[in-house]
């Protein structure tokens, strides 16, 4: 369960990062 929590945290961090960096939405397409 620890792995799931860590993965969800990483996804949330990545989502927040891309929200702040809207010009780089094309990079989010690769993820």
Protein backbone atom coordinates (compact mmCIF):
# COMPACT_ATOMS: atom_id res chain seq x y z
CA UNK A 1 0.00 0.00 0.00
CA UNK A 2 2.96 2.29 0.55
CA UNK A 3 3.79 2.05 -3.17
CA UNK A 4 0.26 3.10 -4.11
CA UNK A 5 0.41 6.11 -1.80
CA UNK A 6 3.78 7.17 -3.21
CA UNK A 7 2.58 6.75 -6.80
CA UNK A 8 -0.53 8.83 -6.12
CA UNK A 9 1.61 11.55 -4.53
CA UNK A 10 3.91 11.58 -7.57
CA UNK A 11 0.91 11.87 -9.90
CA UNK A 12 -0.51 14.76 -7.87
CA UNK A 13 2.87 16.52 -7.88
CA UNK A 14 3.20 16.02 -11.65
CA UNK A 15 -0.34 17.33 -12.23
CA UNK A 16 0.31 20.42 -10.08
CA UNK A 17 3.64 20.96 -11.85
CA UNK A 18 1.99 20.92 -15.28
CA UNK A 19 -0.82 23.20 -14.09
CA UNK A 20 1.83 25.76 -13.13
CA UNK A 21 3.70 25.16 -16.41
CA UNK A 22 0.80 25.42 -18.86
CA UNK A 23 3.11 26.22 -21.83
CA UNK A 24 4.50 22.68 -21.48
CA UNK A 25 1.17 20.85 -21.92
CA UNK A 26 2.68 18.99 -24.92
CA UNK A 27 5.09 17.23 -22.54
CA UNK A 28 2.12 16.01 -20.48
CA UNK A 29 0.87 14.18 -23.60
CA UNK A 30 3.90 11.86 -23.43
CA UNK A 31 3.20 10.87 -19.81
